[in-house]
N, C-alpha and C. Protein backbone atom coordinates (compact mmCIF):
# COMPACT_ATOMS: atom_id res chain seq x y z
N MET A 1 -19.01 -4.47 -16.23
CA MET A 1 -18.30 -3.39 -14.38
C MET A 1 -17.21 -3.39 -15.28
N ALA A 2 -16.39 -2.56 -14.46
CA ALA A 2 -15.10 -2.38 -14.75
C ALA A 2 -14.37 -3.14 -13.96
N GLU A 3 -13.17 -3.80 -14.37
CA GLU A 3 -12.18 -4.91 -13.35
C GLU A 3 -11.26 -3.81 -12.34
N LYS A 4 -10.79 -4.63 -11.75
CA LYS A 4 -9.55 -4.01 -10.87
C LYS A 4 -8.54 -3.87 -11.88
N LEU A 5 -7.37 -2.76 -11.73
CA LEU A 5 -6.38 -2.94 -12.45
C LEU A 5 -5.39 -2.97 -11.74
N GLN A 6 -5.17 -1.85 -10.32
CA GLN A 6 -4.19 -1.78 -9.27
C GLN A 6 -4.90 -1.91 -8.28
N GLU A 7 -4.19 -2.45 -7.18
CA GLU A 7 -4.66 -1.94 -5.47
C GLU A 7 -3.95 -1.72 -4.73
N HIS A 8 -3.68 -0.41 -3.98
CA HIS A 8 -2.41 -0.27 -2.55
C HIS A 8 -3.20 0.27 -1.52
N LEU A 9 -2.48 -0.10 -0.63
CA LEU A 9 -2.80 0.79 0.45
C LEU A 9 -1.73 1.66 1.08
N PHE A 10 -2.36 2.45 1.46
CA PHE A 10 -1.72 4.11 2.13
C PHE A 10 -1.77 4.29 3.07
N VAL A 11 -0.97 5.18 3.97
CA VAL A 11 -0.80 5.54 5.07
C VAL A 11 -0.70 7.23 4.57
N ILE A 12 -1.76 8.27 4.69
CA ILE A 12 -1.75 8.96 4.32
C ILE A 12 -1.46 10.16 5.42
N PRO A 13 -0.56 10.75 5.63
CA PRO A 13 -0.28 11.74 6.51
C PRO A 13 -1.23 12.78 6.59
N LEU A 14 -1.71 13.68 7.15
CA LEU A 14 -2.61 14.38 7.68
C LEU A 14 -1.85 15.76 8.36
N ARG A 15 -0.97 15.80 8.55
CA ARG A 15 -0.26 16.60 9.90
C ARG A 15 -0.17 18.46 8.86
N ASP A 16 0.01 18.18 7.62
CA ASP A 16 -0.60 19.57 7.38
C ASP A 16 -1.90 20.36 7.25
N VAL A 17 -2.49 19.27 7.72
CA VAL A 17 -3.98 20.04 8.18
C VAL A 17 -3.88 20.97 8.89
N LYS A 18 -2.91 20.47 10.04
CA LYS A 18 -2.71 21.52 11.23
C LYS A 18 -2.38 23.14 10.94
N ARG A 19 -1.95 23.26 9.62
CA ARG A 19 -1.58 24.43 9.19
C ARG A 19 -3.29 25.45 8.87
N ALA A 20 -4.28 24.83 8.70
CA ALA A 20 -5.37 25.40 8.42
C ALA A 20 -5.94 25.93 9.72
N PRO A 21 -7.19 26.80 9.04
CA PRO A 21 -7.61 27.27 10.37
C PRO A 21 -8.46 26.06 11.27
N VAL A 22 -8.54 26.44 12.33
CA VAL A 22 -8.94 25.41 12.92
C VAL A 22 -10.36 25.01 12.43
N TRP A 23 -11.31 25.72 12.16
CA TRP A 23 -12.72 25.18 11.67
C TRP A 23 -12.98 24.48 10.28
N LYS A 24 -11.44 25.05 9.60
CA LYS A 24 -11.67 24.11 8.05
C LYS A 24 -10.56 22.98 8.21
N ARG A 25 -10.43 22.44 9.07
CA ARG A 25 -9.21 21.24 9.23
C ARG A 25 -9.96 20.00 8.90
N SER A 26 -10.86 19.49 9.21
CA SER A 26 -11.52 18.37 8.51
C SER A 26 -11.35 18.53 6.96
N ARG A 27 -12.20 19.43 6.37
CA ARG A 27 -12.32 19.90 5.43
C ARG A 27 -11.17 20.01 4.37
N THR A 28 -10.24 20.39 4.70
CA THR A 28 -8.76 20.39 4.53
C THR A 28 -8.42 19.00 3.78
N ALA A 29 -8.46 18.35 5.28
CA ALA A 29 -7.94 16.67 5.29
C ALA A 29 -8.55 16.14 4.35
N LEU A 30 -9.74 16.20 3.91
CA LEU A 30 -10.53 15.47 2.72
C LEU A 30 -9.98 15.83 1.28
N LYS A 31 -9.27 17.19 1.34
CA LYS A 31 -9.29 17.66 -0.04
C LYS A 31 -7.39 17.20 -0.39
N ASP A 32 -7.21 16.78 0.75
CA ASP A 32 -5.62 16.59 0.99
C ASP A 32 -5.43 14.85 0.67
N ILE A 33 -6.27 14.43 1.18
CA ILE A 33 -6.62 12.79 0.65
C ILE A 33 -6.54 12.69 -0.87
N ARG A 34 -7.40 13.81 -1.30
CA ARG A 34 -8.29 13.58 -2.49
C ARG A 34 -6.85 13.61 -3.46
N ARG A 35 -6.31 14.81 -3.32
CA ARG A 35 -5.26 15.03 -3.93
C ARG A 35 -3.53 13.87 -3.46
N PHE A 36 -3.48 13.58 -2.33
CA PHE A 36 -2.52 12.60 -2.41
C PHE A 36 -2.75 10.99 -3.34
N LEU A 37 -4.31 11.08 -3.56
CA LEU A 37 -4.62 9.51 -4.18
C LEU A 37 -4.54 9.70 -5.65
N MET A 38 -4.54 11.42 -6.21
CA MET A 38 -4.42 11.81 -7.50
C MET A 38 -3.05 11.58 -8.09
N ARG A 39 -2.14 12.02 -6.83
CA ARG A 39 -0.64 12.35 -7.21
C ARG A 39 -0.24 10.63 -7.20
N HIS A 40 -0.47 9.71 -6.32
CA HIS A 40 -0.02 8.42 -6.26
C HIS A 40 -0.79 7.67 -7.09
N MET A 41 -1.97 7.50 -7.60
CA MET A 41 -2.76 6.41 -8.60
C MET A 41 -2.66 6.94 -9.76
N LYS A 42 -1.95 8.52 -9.86
CA LYS A 42 -2.17 9.16 -11.36
C LYS A 42 -3.54 9.20 -11.84
N SER A 43 -4.52 9.43 -11.29
CA SER A 43 -5.57 9.95 -12.01
C SER A 43 -6.78 10.98 -11.13
N GLU A 44 -7.34 11.41 -12.28
CA GLU A 44 -8.00 12.76 -11.75
C GLU A 44 -9.39 12.08 -11.47
N ASP A 45 -9.69 10.98 -11.47
CA ASP A 45 -11.16 10.83 -11.04
C ASP A 45 -11.11 9.81 -9.72
N VAL A 46 -11.51 10.39 -8.67
CA VAL A 46 -10.75 9.71 -7.69
C VAL A 46 -12.65 9.80 -6.79
N LYS A 47 -13.20 8.80 -6.43
CA LYS A 47 -14.26 8.61 -5.50
C LYS A 47 -13.99 7.94 -4.26
N ILE A 48 -14.15 9.01 -3.01
CA ILE A 48 -13.89 8.87 -1.63
C ILE A 48 -15.07 7.96 -1.08
N ASP A 49 -14.73 6.75 -0.43
CA ASP A 49 -15.87 6.13 0.18
C ASP A 49 -16.57 7.12 1.40
N LYS A 50 -17.57 6.86 1.86
CA LYS A 50 -17.99 7.07 3.01
C LYS A 50 -17.56 6.80 4.38
N SER A 51 -16.73 5.69 4.38
CA SER A 51 -16.40 5.50 5.64
C SER A 51 -14.72 6.24 5.99
N ILE A 52 -14.62 6.73 4.94
CA ILE A 52 -13.65 7.57 5.16
C ILE A 52 -13.84 9.15 5.49
N ASN A 53 -14.84 9.45 4.98
CA ASN A 53 -15.30 10.74 5.27
C ASN A 53 -16.05 10.97 6.86
N GLU A 54 -16.43 9.54 7.46
CA GLU A 54 -17.00 9.42 8.91
C GLU A 54 -16.10 9.57 9.82
N LYS A 55 -14.54 8.43 9.18
CA LYS A 55 -13.45 8.73 10.19
C LYS A 55 -13.07 9.92 10.33
N VAL A 56 -12.91 10.90 8.97
CA VAL A 56 -12.57 12.61 9.30
C VAL A 56 -12.97 13.32 10.19
N TRP A 57 -13.95 13.21 10.20
CA TRP A 57 -15.34 13.89 10.53
C TRP A 57 -15.58 13.16 11.91
N GLU A 58 -15.21 12.16 12.73
CA GLU A 58 -15.26 11.63 13.49
C GLU A 58 -15.29 12.38 15.17
N ARG A 59 -14.05 13.25 15.01
CA ARG A 59 -14.03 14.51 16.17
C ARG A 59 -14.39 15.62 15.88
N GLY A 60 -15.18 15.53 14.92
CA GLY A 60 -15.31 17.16 14.75
C GLY A 60 -14.62 17.71 13.58
N SER A 61 -15.26 19.19 13.19
CA SER A 61 -14.01 19.92 12.14
C SER A 61 -12.93 20.12 12.75
N GLU A 62 -12.44 20.27 14.12
CA GLU A 62 -11.40 20.92 14.62
C GLU A 62 -10.33 20.17 14.74
N LYS A 63 -10.51 18.40 15.07
CA LYS A 63 -9.48 17.51 15.24
C LYS A 63 -9.84 16.52 14.24
N PRO A 64 -9.15 16.63 13.56
CA PRO A 64 -9.14 15.25 12.24
C PRO A 64 -7.90 14.60 12.59
N PRO A 65 -7.60 13.02 12.39
CA PRO A 65 -6.61 12.47 12.60
C PRO A 65 -5.57 12.57 12.01
N SER A 66 -4.49 12.26 12.82
CA SER A 66 -3.03 13.11 11.95
C SER A 66 -2.50 12.11 11.13
N LYS A 67 -3.02 10.77 10.53
CA LYS A 67 -2.64 10.23 9.55
C LYS A 67 -4.15 9.11 9.11
N ILE A 68 -4.06 8.55 8.29
CA ILE A 68 -5.27 7.75 7.98
C ILE A 68 -4.58 6.71 6.70
N ARG A 69 -5.25 5.29 7.36
CA ARG A 69 -4.95 4.76 6.43
C ARG A 69 -6.28 4.18 5.18
N VAL A 70 -5.64 3.68 4.07
CA VAL A 70 -6.88 3.72 3.22
C VAL A 70 -6.42 2.47 2.04
N ARG A 71 -7.37 1.95 1.77
CA ARG A 71 -6.96 1.39 0.58
C ARG A 71 -7.63 1.75 -0.92
N ALA A 72 -6.95 1.91 -1.65
CA ALA A 72 -7.28 2.43 -2.95
C ALA A 72 -7.46 1.28 -4.21
N VAL A 73 -8.23 1.49 -4.94
CA VAL A 73 -8.25 0.53 -6.35
C VAL A 73 -8.64 1.27 -7.75
N LYS A 74 -7.58 0.95 -8.61
CA LYS A 74 -7.61 1.63 -9.82
C LYS A 74 -8.51 0.72 -10.22
N MET A 75 -9.76 0.97 -11.24
CA MET A 75 -10.29 0.37 -12.14
C MET A 75 -9.86 0.59 -13.56
N GLU A 76 -10.14 -0.03 -14.28
CA GLU A 76 -10.07 -0.46 -16.15
C GLU A 76 -10.09 1.11 -16.47
N ASP A 77 -11.00 1.30 -15.86
CA ASP A 77 -11.57 2.91 -16.77
C ASP A 77 -11.18 4.30 -16.47
N GLY A 78 -10.03 3.81 -15.15
CA GLY A 78 -8.94 5.09 -14.53
C GLY A 78 -9.65 5.28 -13.26
N GLN A 79 -10.53 5.09 -12.96
CA GLN A 79 -11.43 5.77 -11.81
C GLN A 79 -10.59 5.19 -10.29
N VAL A 80 -10.52 5.83 -9.44
CA VAL A 80 -9.73 5.18 -7.98
C VAL A 80 -11.24 5.46 -7.03
N GLN A 81 -11.68 3.92 -6.72
CA GLN A 81 -12.16 4.36 -5.83
C GLN A 81 -11.10 3.81 -3.96
N ALA A 82 -11.55 4.96 -3.19
CA ALA A 82 -10.75 4.72 -2.33
C ALA A 82 -11.63 4.07 -0.76
N GLU A 83 -11.69 3.45 0.52
CA GLU A 83 -11.97 3.09 1.40
C GLU A 83 -11.17 3.15 2.60
N LEU A 84 -11.70 3.05 3.59
CA LEU A 84 -10.81 2.80 4.89
C LEU A 84 -10.36 1.45 4.85
N ALA A 85 -8.92 1.40 5.16
CA ALA A 85 -8.26 0.12 5.47
C ALA A 85 -8.96 -0.71 6.60
N SER A 86 -9.05 -1.65 7.04
CA SER A 86 -9.46 -2.69 8.19
C SER A 86 -8.00 -2.27 8.77
N GLU A 87 -8.50 -2.55 10.26
CA GLU A 87 -7.00 -2.38 10.81
C GLU A 87 -7.01 -3.98 11.67
């Protein structure tokens, strides 16, 4: 099993999602979360936890949250695992 290398807490802004068509907003939000984590954690391999997916889709595809708090852990093998941060 790979050990933890880095652990970060991010508040990811999702305000740019509002520019997408109404029916594509939650899908675009998940793509933006993945893109943000790839950029900030410097890894192409990003795994998003089910809890993040449920939080984004909580109010349907038209009304994702404006920001989301995520805990990202980079493993030794370069994989990034992201989960919803407890508030």
